[in-house]
Amino acid sequence: MTDDSTAGEARKGLLDTVKGKAKEVAGAVTGNDSLTAEGQLEQEQAKQRREANSAEAVAQAEAEQAREQAAEAQAESFAERRQVDAETSAIKGQARAESLEQKQAAEAAGQRDAAAQKAQAETDAQRQAARAEAEERNRLATAADVVEEATEEHQLAARDAAEPHVEAQRLRREADALTDQEDLP
């Protein structure tokens, strides 16, 4: 709902309230109970519409806030991933350098020891990279949960906002039926 449509709905609600009050007063003055009831019904419908519009505005604000939080979480996750990738690359580079140095120093003792040390260094780097990726997946899952929860809240609020409109329409039909039965304008 945009600000223009919100303001328009507010104006319409105010006009409906005034129109309903005028009918109620006119019905009371003329002794026309049907007109009085119709005026009261229109006032109640306007009140329910205002409440529904208010609930919808709150739900939209909450959904927007949840989207912003999810975007922030995703941005943080991407930044952390870049940092983890840089650290992983540095660790892998350092591990390779250490492995090469150890291999050259250990050639006199045998190439088998050097290969084992290199493999261990790479395994450690892979473990750290895997651990960092697991943390990132957890952060993304949390962000997805926040978005899903906000979406569910928005859908509930939208459904709750629609219920007063349905009730108001039912009351309007009943008032129209009473008016038709009494053969009133």
N, C-alpha and C. Protein backbone atom coordinates (compact mmCIF):
# COMPACT_ATOMS: atom_id res chain seq x y z
N MET A 1 0.85 -1.16 0.00
CA MET A 1 0.00 0.00 0.00
C MET A 1 0.90 1.22 0.00
N THR A 2 0.69 2.13 -0.96
CA THR A 2 1.52 3.33 -1.03
C THR A 2 0.97 4.38 -0.09
N ASP A 3 1.75 5.46 0.10
CA ASP A 3 1.30 6.54 0.96
C ASP A 3 0.05 7.20 0.39
N ASP A 4 -0.01 7.35 -0.96
CA ASP A 4 -1.18 7.96 -1.59
C ASP A 4 -2.43 7.12 -1.36
N SER A 5 -2.32 5.80 -1.54
CA SER A 5 -3.49 4.95 -1.34
C SER A 5 -3.86 4.89 0.13
N THR A 6 -2.88 4.97 1.02
CA THR A 6 -3.17 4.99 2.46
C THR A 6 -3.95 6.25 2.80
N ALA A 7 -3.50 7.38 2.29
CA ALA A 7 -4.20 8.64 2.54
C ALA A 7 -5.60 8.61 1.93
N GLY A 8 -5.71 8.05 0.75
CA GLY A 8 -7.01 7.92 0.10
C GLY A 8 -7.96 7.06 0.90
N GLU A 9 -7.44 5.95 1.42
CA GLU A 9 -8.27 5.08 2.26
C GLU A 9 -8.69 5.81 3.53
N ALA A 10 -7.80 6.60 4.10
CA ALA A 10 -8.13 7.35 5.31
C ALA A 10 -9.23 8.37 5.03
N ARG A 11 -9.12 9.08 3.89
CA ARG A 11 -10.16 10.05 3.51
C ARG A 11 -11.49 9.34 3.29
N LYS A 12 -11.45 8.22 2.60
CA LYS A 12 -12.68 7.48 2.33
C LYS A 12 -13.32 7.01 3.63
N GLY A 13 -12.48 6.54 4.56
CA GLY A 13 -13.00 6.10 5.86
C GLY A 13 -13.65 7.25 6.61
N LEU A 14 -13.03 8.43 6.57
CA LEU A 14 -13.59 9.59 7.25
C LEU A 14 -14.92 9.99 6.61
N LEU A 15 -14.97 10.01 5.28
CA LEU A 15 -16.22 10.35 4.59
C LEU A 15 -17.31 9.34 4.91
N ASP A 16 -16.97 8.05 4.93
CA ASP A 16 -17.96 7.02 5.26
C ASP A 16 -18.46 7.19 6.68
N THR A 17 -17.58 7.56 7.60
CA THR A 17 -17.99 7.78 8.99
C THR A 17 -18.96 8.95 9.07
N VAL A 18 -18.61 10.05 8.39
CA VAL A 18 -19.47 11.23 8.41
C VAL A 18 -20.80 10.92 7.74
N LYS A 19 -20.76 10.23 6.61
CA LYS A 19 -21.99 9.87 5.90
C LYS A 19 -22.87 8.97 6.77
N GLY A 20 -22.23 8.00 7.45
CA GLY A 20 -22.98 7.10 8.32
C GLY A 20 -23.60 7.84 9.49
N LYS A 21 -22.85 8.79 10.06
CA LYS A 21 -23.37 9.58 11.19
C LYS A 21 -24.55 10.42 10.72
N ALA A 22 -24.44 10.99 9.52
CA ALA A 22 -25.53 11.80 8.98
C ALA A 22 -26.79 10.95 8.79
N LYS A 23 -26.63 9.74 8.27
CA LYS A 23 -27.79 8.86 8.10
C LYS A 23 -28.39 8.48 9.45
N GLU A 24 -27.51 8.21 10.41
CA GLU A 24 -27.99 7.83 11.75
C GLU A 24 -28.81 8.98 12.35
N VAL A 25 -28.29 10.19 12.25
CA VAL A 25 -28.99 11.36 12.80
C VAL A 25 -30.30 11.60 12.04
N ALA A 26 -30.25 11.51 10.71
CA ALA A 26 -31.46 11.72 9.91
C ALA A 26 -32.50 10.66 10.25
N GLY A 27 -32.07 9.43 10.42
CA GLY A 27 -33.00 8.36 10.78
C GLY A 27 -33.59 8.58 12.16
N ALA A 28 -32.78 9.05 13.10
CA ALA A 28 -33.28 9.30 14.46
C ALA A 28 -34.27 10.46 14.46
N VAL A 29 -33.98 11.50 13.69
CA VAL A 29 -34.86 12.67 13.65
C VAL A 29 -36.18 12.32 12.98
N THR A 30 -36.12 11.54 11.90
CA THR A 30 -37.35 11.20 11.17
C THR A 30 -38.03 9.97 11.73
N GLY A 31 -37.41 9.29 12.67
CA GLY A 31 -38.00 8.08 13.24
C GLY A 31 -37.85 6.88 12.32
N ASN A 32 -36.94 6.94 11.38
CA ASN A 32 -36.70 5.86 10.43
C ASN A 32 -35.60 4.96 10.99
N ASP A 33 -36.01 3.86 11.63
CA ASP A 33 -35.05 2.96 12.27
C ASP A 33 -34.12 2.31 11.25
N SER A 34 -34.63 2.03 10.08
CA SER A 34 -33.80 1.40 9.05
C SER A 34 -32.66 2.33 8.62
N LEU A 35 -32.98 3.60 8.45
CA LEU A 35 -31.95 4.57 8.07
C LEU A 35 -30.94 4.75 9.21
N THR A 36 -31.43 4.74 10.43
CA THR A 36 -30.54 4.83 11.60
C THR A 36 -29.60 3.63 11.62
N ALA A 37 -30.14 2.42 11.41
CA ALA A 37 -29.32 1.20 11.41
C ALA A 37 -28.31 1.23 10.27
N GLU A 38 -28.75 1.72 9.11
CA GLU A 38 -27.82 1.79 7.97
C GLU A 38 -26.68 2.76 8.27
N GLY A 39 -26.99 3.87 8.92
CA GLY A 39 -25.95 4.83 9.30
C GLY A 39 -24.97 4.24 10.29
N GLN A 40 -25.51 3.50 11.26
CA GLN A 40 -24.63 2.85 12.24
C GLN A 40 -23.76 1.80 11.56
N LEU A 41 -24.36 1.07 10.63
CA LEU A 41 -23.61 0.04 9.90
C LEU A 41 -22.47 0.68 9.09
N GLU A 42 -22.76 1.78 8.43
CA GLU A 42 -21.71 2.44 7.64
C GLU A 42 -20.59 2.96 8.54
N GLN A 43 -20.93 3.44 9.71
CA GLN A 43 -19.89 3.89 10.65
C GLN A 43 -19.03 2.71 11.09
N GLU A 44 -19.67 1.58 11.37
CA GLU A 44 -18.92 0.38 11.80
C GLU A 44 -18.02 -0.13 10.67
N GLN A 45 -18.56 -0.09 9.44
CA GLN A 45 -17.74 -0.53 8.30
C GLN A 45 -16.52 0.37 8.14
N ALA A 46 -16.71 1.66 8.30
CA ALA A 46 -15.59 2.60 8.19
C ALA A 46 -14.56 2.33 9.28
N LYS A 47 -15.03 2.05 10.48
CA LYS A 47 -14.12 1.74 11.59
C LYS A 47 -13.32 0.47 11.28
N GLN A 48 -14.02 -0.57 10.80
CA GLN A 48 -13.34 -1.83 10.48
C GLN A 48 -12.34 -1.64 9.35
N ARG A 49 -12.69 -0.82 8.37
CA ARG A 49 -11.78 -0.57 7.26
C ARG A 49 -10.52 0.15 7.76
N ARG A 50 -10.71 1.12 8.68
CA ARG A 50 -9.55 1.82 9.25
C ARG A 50 -8.65 0.84 9.99
N GLU A 51 -9.27 -0.04 10.79
CA GLU A 51 -8.48 -1.02 11.55
C GLU A 51 -7.74 -1.96 10.61
N ALA A 52 -8.41 -2.40 9.55
CA ALA A 52 -7.77 -3.30 8.58
C ALA A 52 -6.61 -2.61 7.87
N ASN A 53 -6.82 -1.34 7.49
CA ASN A 53 -5.74 -0.59 6.83
C ASN A 53 -4.56 -0.41 7.76
N SER A 54 -4.85 -0.16 9.02
CA SER A 54 -3.78 -0.01 10.01
C SER A 54 -3.00 -1.31 10.17
N ALA A 55 -3.72 -2.43 10.27
CA ALA A 55 -3.06 -3.74 10.42
C ALA A 55 -2.22 -4.06 9.19
N GLU A 56 -2.73 -3.72 8.01
CA GLU A 56 -1.98 -3.99 6.79
C GLU A 56 -0.72 -3.14 6.72
N ALA A 57 -0.81 -1.89 7.14
CA ALA A 57 0.37 -1.02 7.14
C ALA A 57 1.43 -1.54 8.09
N VAL A 58 1.01 -2.03 9.26
CA VAL A 58 1.96 -2.60 10.22
C VAL A 58 2.61 -3.84 9.62
N ALA A 59 1.81 -4.70 9.00
CA ALA A 59 2.35 -5.93 8.41
C ALA A 59 3.35 -5.61 7.31
N GLN A 60 3.05 -4.61 6.49
CA GLN A 60 3.98 -4.24 5.43
C GLN A 60 5.27 -3.68 5.99
N ALA A 61 5.16 -2.90 7.05
CA ALA A 61 6.37 -2.35 7.67
C ALA A 61 7.23 -3.47 8.25
N GLU A 62 6.58 -4.46 8.89
CA GLU A 62 7.33 -5.58 9.44
C GLU A 62 7.99 -6.40 8.34
N ALA A 63 7.27 -6.61 7.24
CA ALA A 63 7.84 -7.37 6.13
C ALA A 63 9.03 -6.63 5.53
N GLU A 64 8.92 -5.31 5.39
CA GLU A 64 10.03 -4.51 4.86
C GLU A 64 11.24 -4.59 5.78
N GLN A 65 10.97 -4.52 7.08
CA GLN A 65 12.07 -4.62 8.05
C GLN A 65 12.74 -5.99 7.95
N ALA A 66 11.94 -7.05 7.81
CA ALA A 66 12.50 -8.39 7.69
C ALA A 66 13.34 -8.52 6.41
N ARG A 67 12.86 -7.91 5.31
CA ARG A 67 13.63 -7.94 4.07
C ARG A 67 14.97 -7.22 4.24
N GLU A 68 14.92 -6.08 4.93
CA GLU A 68 16.16 -5.34 5.17
C GLU A 68 17.12 -6.14 6.03
N GLN A 69 16.59 -6.81 7.06
CA GLN A 69 17.44 -7.62 7.92
C GLN A 69 18.04 -8.78 7.13
N ALA A 70 17.24 -9.39 6.27
CA ALA A 70 17.75 -10.50 5.47
C ALA A 70 18.84 -10.02 4.51
N ALA A 71 18.63 -8.83 3.92
CA ALA A 71 19.65 -8.28 3.01
C ALA A 71 20.94 -7.97 3.77
N GLU A 72 20.79 -7.42 4.98
CA GLU A 72 21.98 -7.15 5.79
C GLU A 72 22.71 -8.44 6.15
N ALA A 73 21.93 -9.46 6.53
CA ALA A 73 22.54 -10.75 6.89
C ALA A 73 23.26 -11.35 5.69
N GLN A 74 22.65 -11.23 4.52
CA GLN A 74 23.28 -11.78 3.32
C GLN A 74 24.55 -11.00 2.99
N ALA A 75 24.50 -9.69 3.12
CA ALA A 75 25.70 -8.88 2.84
C ALA A 75 26.82 -9.24 3.82
N GLU A 76 26.46 -9.40 5.09
CA GLU A 76 27.47 -9.79 6.07
C GLU A 76 28.04 -11.17 5.74
N SER A 77 27.16 -12.07 5.33
CA SER A 77 27.59 -13.42 4.98
C SER A 77 28.56 -13.40 3.80
N PHE A 78 28.24 -12.58 2.78
CA PHE A 78 29.14 -12.49 1.62
C PHE A 78 30.49 -11.90 2.02
N ALA A 79 30.46 -10.86 2.86
CA ALA A 79 31.72 -10.25 3.30
C ALA A 79 32.54 -11.25 4.10
N GLU A 80 31.88 -11.99 4.98
CA GLU A 80 32.59 -12.99 5.76
C GLU A 80 33.14 -14.10 4.86
N ARG A 81 32.37 -14.46 3.85
CA ARG A 81 32.85 -15.50 2.93
C ARG A 81 34.10 -15.03 2.19
N ARG A 82 34.07 -13.77 1.73
CA ARG A 82 35.26 -13.25 1.05
C ARG A 82 36.46 -13.25 1.99
N GLN A 83 36.22 -12.87 3.23
CA GLN A 83 37.31 -12.87 4.20
C GLN A 83 37.81 -14.29 4.45
N VAL A 84 36.89 -15.23 4.59
CA VAL A 84 37.28 -16.63 4.81
C VAL A 84 38.04 -17.16 3.60
N ASP A 85 37.56 -16.80 2.40
CA ASP A 85 38.27 -17.24 1.18
C ASP A 85 39.69 -16.68 1.14
N ALA A 86 39.84 -15.41 1.52
CA ALA A 86 41.17 -14.80 1.53
C ALA A 86 42.06 -15.48 2.56
N GLU A 87 41.48 -15.72 3.75
CA GLU A 87 42.25 -16.41 4.79
C GLU A 87 42.61 -17.82 4.36
N THR A 88 41.67 -18.50 3.72
CA THR A 88 41.92 -19.86 3.25
C THR A 88 43.03 -19.87 2.21
N SER A 89 42.98 -18.90 1.29
CA SER A 89 44.04 -18.82 0.27
C SER A 89 45.39 -18.56 0.92
N ALA A 90 45.40 -17.65 1.90
CA ALA A 90 46.66 -17.36 2.59
C ALA A 90 47.17 -18.59 3.34
N ILE A 91 46.25 -19.28 3.99
CA ILE A 91 46.63 -20.49 4.73
C ILE A 91 47.16 -21.56 3.77
N LYS A 92 46.44 -21.72 2.65
CA LYS A 92 46.89 -22.71 1.67
C LYS A 92 48.26 -22.32 1.11
N GLY A 93 48.44 -21.03 0.82
CA GLY A 93 49.74 -20.57 0.31
C GLY A 93 50.84 -20.79 1.33
N GLN A 94 50.53 -20.45 2.56
CA GLN A 94 51.51 -20.65 3.63
C GLN A 94 51.80 -22.14 3.82
N ALA A 95 50.75 -22.95 3.75
CA ALA A 95 50.94 -24.40 3.90
C ALA A 95 51.81 -24.96 2.78
N ARG A 96 51.56 -24.45 1.56
CA ARG A 96 52.38 -24.93 0.44
C ARG A 96 53.84 -24.52 0.61
N ALA A 97 54.04 -23.29 1.02
CA ALA A 97 55.41 -22.80 1.21
C ALA A 97 56.12 -23.60 2.30
N GLU A 98 55.41 -23.82 3.40
CA GLU A 98 56.00 -24.61 4.48
C GLU A 98 56.28 -26.03 4.03
N SER A 99 55.36 -26.57 3.27
CA SER A 99 55.53 -27.94 2.79
C SER A 99 56.75 -28.05 1.87
N LEU A 100 56.90 -27.08 0.99
CA LEU A 100 58.04 -27.11 0.08
C LEU A 100 59.35 -26.97 0.85
N GLU A 101 59.35 -26.05 1.80
CA GLU A 101 60.55 -25.86 2.61
C GLU A 101 60.89 -27.13 3.40
N GLN A 102 59.86 -27.72 3.96
CA GLN A 102 60.08 -28.95 4.73
C GLN A 102 60.54 -30.09 3.82
N LYS A 103 60.01 -30.10 2.64
CA LYS A 103 60.40 -31.16 1.70
C LYS A 103 61.88 -31.04 1.34
N GLN A 104 62.30 -29.80 1.05
CA GLN A 104 63.70 -29.60 0.70
C GLN A 104 64.61 -29.94 1.87
N ALA A 105 64.21 -29.58 3.08
CA ALA A 105 65.03 -29.87 4.26
C ALA A 105 65.03 -31.37 4.56
N ALA A 106 63.93 -32.04 4.19
CA ALA A 106 63.80 -33.45 4.53
C ALA A 106 64.27 -34.38 3.42
N GLU A 107 64.68 -33.82 2.26
CA GLU A 107 65.14 -34.68 1.17
C GLU A 107 66.30 -35.55 1.61
N ALA A 108 67.14 -35.02 2.44
CA ALA A 108 68.26 -35.81 2.94
C ALA A 108 67.74 -36.98 3.76
N ALA A 109 66.66 -36.77 4.49
CA ALA A 109 66.10 -37.83 5.34
C ALA A 109 65.14 -38.71 4.56
N GLY A 110 64.64 -38.20 3.46
CA GLY A 110 63.75 -39.02 2.65
C GLY A 110 62.52 -38.23 2.19
N GLN A 111 62.10 -38.49 0.99
CA GLN A 111 60.99 -37.77 0.40
C GLN A 111 59.64 -38.19 1.00
N ARG A 112 59.60 -39.35 1.58
CA ARG A 112 58.33 -39.82 2.13
C ARG A 112 57.85 -38.94 3.29
N ASP A 113 58.77 -38.52 4.16
CA ASP A 113 58.38 -37.66 5.27
C ASP A 113 57.86 -36.31 4.76
N ALA A 114 58.51 -35.76 3.74
CA ALA A 114 58.10 -34.47 3.20
C ALA A 114 56.70 -34.55 2.59
N ALA A 115 56.40 -35.62 1.86
CA ALA A 115 55.08 -35.78 1.25
C ALA A 115 53.99 -35.89 2.32
N ALA A 116 54.29 -36.59 3.39
CA ALA A 116 53.31 -36.75 4.47
C ALA A 116 53.02 -35.40 5.13
N GLN A 117 54.05 -34.60 5.33
CA GLN A 117 53.86 -33.30 5.95
C GLN A 117 53.05 -32.36 5.04
N LYS A 118 53.31 -32.41 3.76
CA LYS A 118 52.56 -31.58 2.81
C LYS A 118 51.09 -31.99 2.81
N ALA A 119 50.84 -33.28 2.78
CA ALA A 119 49.46 -33.77 2.78
C ALA A 119 48.73 -33.31 4.05
N GLN A 120 49.42 -33.36 5.17
CA GLN A 120 48.81 -32.93 6.43
C GLN A 120 48.46 -31.44 6.40
N ALA A 121 49.35 -30.63 5.87
CA ALA A 121 49.11 -29.19 5.78
C ALA A 121 47.90 -28.89 4.89
N GLU A 122 47.80 -29.57 3.76
CA GLU A 122 46.66 -29.36 2.87
C GLU A 122 45.36 -29.86 3.49
N THR A 123 45.44 -30.96 4.22
CA THR A 123 44.24 -31.47 4.90
C THR A 123 43.75 -30.46 5.94
N ASP A 124 44.67 -29.87 6.68
CA ASP A 124 44.30 -28.86 7.67
C ASP A 124 43.64 -27.66 7.00
N ALA A 125 44.20 -27.22 5.90
CA ALA A 125 43.63 -26.08 5.18
C ALA A 125 42.23 -26.41 4.66
N GLN A 126 42.05 -27.63 4.16
CA GLN A 126 40.74 -28.05 3.66
C GLN A 126 39.73 -28.12 4.80
N ARG A 127 40.17 -28.59 5.96
CA ARG A 127 39.27 -28.64 7.12
C ARG A 127 38.82 -27.24 7.51
N GLN A 128 39.76 -26.31 7.54
CA GLN A 128 39.42 -24.94 7.89
C GLN A 128 38.46 -24.35 6.86
N ALA A 129 38.71 -24.62 5.60
CA ALA A 129 37.83 -24.12 4.54
C ALA A 129 36.44 -24.74 4.67
N ALA A 130 36.38 -26.03 4.94
CA ALA A 130 35.09 -26.72 5.11
C ALA A 130 34.34 -26.16 6.31
N ARG A 131 35.07 -25.89 7.39
CA ARG A 131 34.44 -25.34 8.59
C ARG A 131 33.87 -23.95 8.29
N ALA A 132 34.61 -23.14 7.57
CA ALA A 132 34.15 -21.79 7.21
C ALA A 132 32.92 -21.86 6.31
N GLU A 133 32.91 -22.79 5.37
CA GLU A 133 31.75 -22.94 4.50
C GLU A 133 30.53 -23.41 5.27
N ALA A 134 30.71 -24.28 6.24
CA ALA A 134 29.60 -24.75 7.07
C ALA A 134 29.01 -23.58 7.87
N GLU A 135 29.88 -22.71 8.40
CA GLU A 135 29.39 -21.54 9.13
C GLU A 135 28.59 -20.62 8.21
N GLU A 136 29.06 -20.47 7.00
CA GLU A 136 28.34 -19.62 6.05
C GLU A 136 26.97 -20.21 5.72
N ARG A 137 26.91 -21.52 5.52
CA ARG A 137 25.61 -22.16 5.24
C ARG A 137 24.65 -21.94 6.40
N ASN A 138 25.14 -22.02 7.62
CA ASN A 138 24.29 -21.79 8.79
C ASN A 138 23.76 -20.36 8.81
N ARG A 139 24.62 -19.40 8.48
CA ARG A 139 24.18 -18.00 8.45
C ARG A 139 23.11 -17.79 7.38
N LEU A 140 23.32 -18.37 6.21
CA LEU A 140 22.34 -18.24 5.14
C LEU A 140 21.02 -18.90 5.51
N ALA A 141 21.08 -20.05 6.18
CA ALA A 141 19.86 -20.73 6.61
C ALA A 141 19.10 -19.88 7.62
N THR A 142 19.83 -19.23 8.52
CA THR A 142 19.19 -18.35 9.50
C THR A 142 18.51 -17.17 8.80
N ALA A 143 19.19 -16.59 7.84
CA ALA A 143 18.60 -15.48 7.09
C ALA A 143 17.35 -15.93 6.34
N ALA A 144 17.38 -17.12 5.76
CA ALA A 144 16.21 -17.65 5.05
C ALA A 144 15.06 -17.87 6.02
N ASP A 145 15.35 -18.34 7.23
CA ASP A 145 14.31 -18.54 8.24
C ASP A 145 13.66 -17.21 8.62
N VAL A 146 14.47 -16.15 8.74
CA VAL A 146 13.93 -14.83 9.09
C VAL A 146 12.99 -14.35 7.99
N VAL A 147 13.39 -14.51 6.74
CA VAL A 147 12.55 -14.10 5.61
C VAL A 147 11.26 -14.91 5.59
N GLU A 148 11.36 -16.22 5.79
CA GLU A 148 10.18 -17.08 5.78
C GLU A 148 9.21 -16.70 6.90
N GLU A 149 9.74 -16.43 8.09
CA GLU A 149 8.90 -16.06 9.22
C GLU A 149 8.20 -14.72 8.94
N ALA A 150 8.94 -13.76 8.38
CA ALA A 150 8.34 -12.47 8.07
C ALA A 150 7.25 -12.61 7.01
N THR A 151 7.48 -13.48 6.02
CA THR A 151 6.49 -13.72 4.98
C THR A 151 5.22 -14.32 5.59
N GLU A 152 5.38 -15.29 6.49
CA GLU A 152 4.22 -15.89 7.14
C GLU A 152 3.46 -14.86 7.95
N GLU A 153 4.17 -13.98 8.68
CA GLU A 153 3.51 -12.94 9.47
C GLU A 153 2.76 -11.98 8.55
N HIS A 154 3.36 -11.64 7.43
CA HIS A 154 2.71 -10.75 6.49
C HIS A 154 1.43 -11.39 5.94
N GLN A 155 1.50 -12.68 5.58
CA GLN A 155 0.33 -13.37 5.05
C GLN A 155 -0.78 -13.44 6.11
N LEU A 156 -0.42 -13.71 7.36
CA LEU A 156 -1.41 -13.75 8.44
C LEU A 156 -2.05 -12.38 8.62
N ALA A 157 -1.23 -11.34 8.62
CA ALA A 157 -1.75 -9.99 8.80
C ALA A 157 -2.67 -9.62 7.64
N ALA A 158 -2.30 -9.99 6.42
CA ALA A 158 -3.14 -9.69 5.26
C ALA A 158 -4.47 -10.43 5.36
N ARG A 159 -4.42 -11.69 5.80
CA ARG A 159 -5.66 -12.46 5.95
C ARG A 159 -6.52 -11.84 7.05
N ASP A 160 -5.89 -11.44 8.17
CA ASP A 160 -6.63 -10.81 9.27
C ASP A 160 -7.22 -9.48 8.81
N ALA A 161 -6.51 -8.77 7.96
CA ALA A 161 -7.00 -7.49 7.47
C ALA A 161 -8.21 -7.67 6.56
N ALA A 162 -8.32 -8.79 5.86
CA ALA A 162 -9.43 -9.03 4.94
C ALA A 162 -10.70 -9.44 5.69
N GLU A 163 -10.59 -10.07 6.86
CA GLU A 163 -11.76 -10.56 7.58
C GLU A 163 -12.76 -9.46 7.93
N PRO A 164 -12.34 -8.28 8.43
CA PRO A 164 -13.33 -7.24 8.74
C PRO A 164 -14.09 -6.78 7.50
N HIS A 165 -13.45 -6.76 6.32
CA HIS A 165 -14.14 -6.37 5.09
C HIS A 165 -15.26 -7.35 4.77
N VAL A 166 -15.00 -8.62 4.95
CA VAL A 166 -16.01 -9.65 4.66
C VAL A 166 -17.18 -9.48 5.62
N GLU A 167 -16.91 -9.27 6.91
CA GLU A 167 -17.96 -9.08 7.91
C GLU A 167 -18.76 -7.82 7.60
N ALA A 168 -18.08 -6.76 7.20
CA ALA A 168 -18.77 -5.51 6.88
C ALA A 168 -19.69 -5.70 5.68
N GLN A 169 -19.27 -6.45 4.69
CA GLN A 169 -20.12 -6.72 3.53
C GLN A 169 -21.35 -7.52 3.92
N ARG A 170 -21.18 -8.48 4.83
CA ARG A 170 -22.32 -9.28 5.29
C ARG A 170 -23.32 -8.38 6.01
N LEU A 171 -22.83 -7.50 6.89
CA LEU A 171 -23.72 -6.59 7.62
C LEU A 171 -24.43 -5.63 6.65
N ARG A 172 -23.72 -5.20 5.63
CA ARG A 172 -24.31 -4.31 4.63
C ARG A 172 -25.45 -5.01 3.90
N ARG A 173 -25.25 -6.28 3.52
CA ARG A 173 -26.31 -7.04 2.85
C ARG A 173 -27.52 -7.19 3.75
N GLU A 174 -27.28 -7.44 5.04
CA GLU A 174 -28.40 -7.58 5.98
C GLU A 174 -29.17 -6.26 6.08
N ALA A 175 -28.43 -5.15 6.15
CA ALA A 175 -29.08 -3.84 6.23
C ALA A 175 -29.88 -3.56 4.95
N ASP A 176 -29.31 -3.90 3.80
CA ASP A 176 -30.01 -3.72 2.52
C ASP A 176 -31.27 -4.58 2.48
N ALA A 177 -31.16 -5.81 3.00
CA ALA A 177 -32.32 -6.70 3.01
C ALA A 177 -33.41 -6.12 3.91
N LEU A 178 -33.04 -5.57 5.06
CA LEU A 178 -34.03 -4.95 5.95
C LEU A 178 -34.67 -3.74 5.26
N THR A 179 -33.86 -2.98 4.57
CA THR A 179 -34.37 -1.81 3.86
C THR A 179 -35.35 -2.24 2.77
N ASP A 180 -35.01 -3.29 2.05
CA ASP A 180 -35.90 -3.80 0.99
C ASP A 180 -37.20 -4.33 1.58
N GLN A 181 -37.11 -5.01 2.72
CA GLN A 181 -38.31 -5.57 3.36
C GLN A 181 -39.25 -4.45 3.80
N GLU A 182 -38.67 -3.38 4.31
CA GLU A 182 -39.48 -2.26 4.79
C GLU A 182 -39.86 -1.33 3.63
N ASP A 183 -39.34 -1.62 2.45
CA ASP A 183 -39.60 -0.82 1.25
C ASP A 183 -39.22 0.64 1.47
N LEU A 184 -37.98 0.80 1.98
CA LEU A 184 -37.46 2.14 2.27
C LEU A 184 -36.37 2.50 1.26
N PRO A 185 -36.11 3.79 1.11
CA PRO A 185 -35.04 4.19 0.15
C PRO A 185 -33.69 3.84 0.67
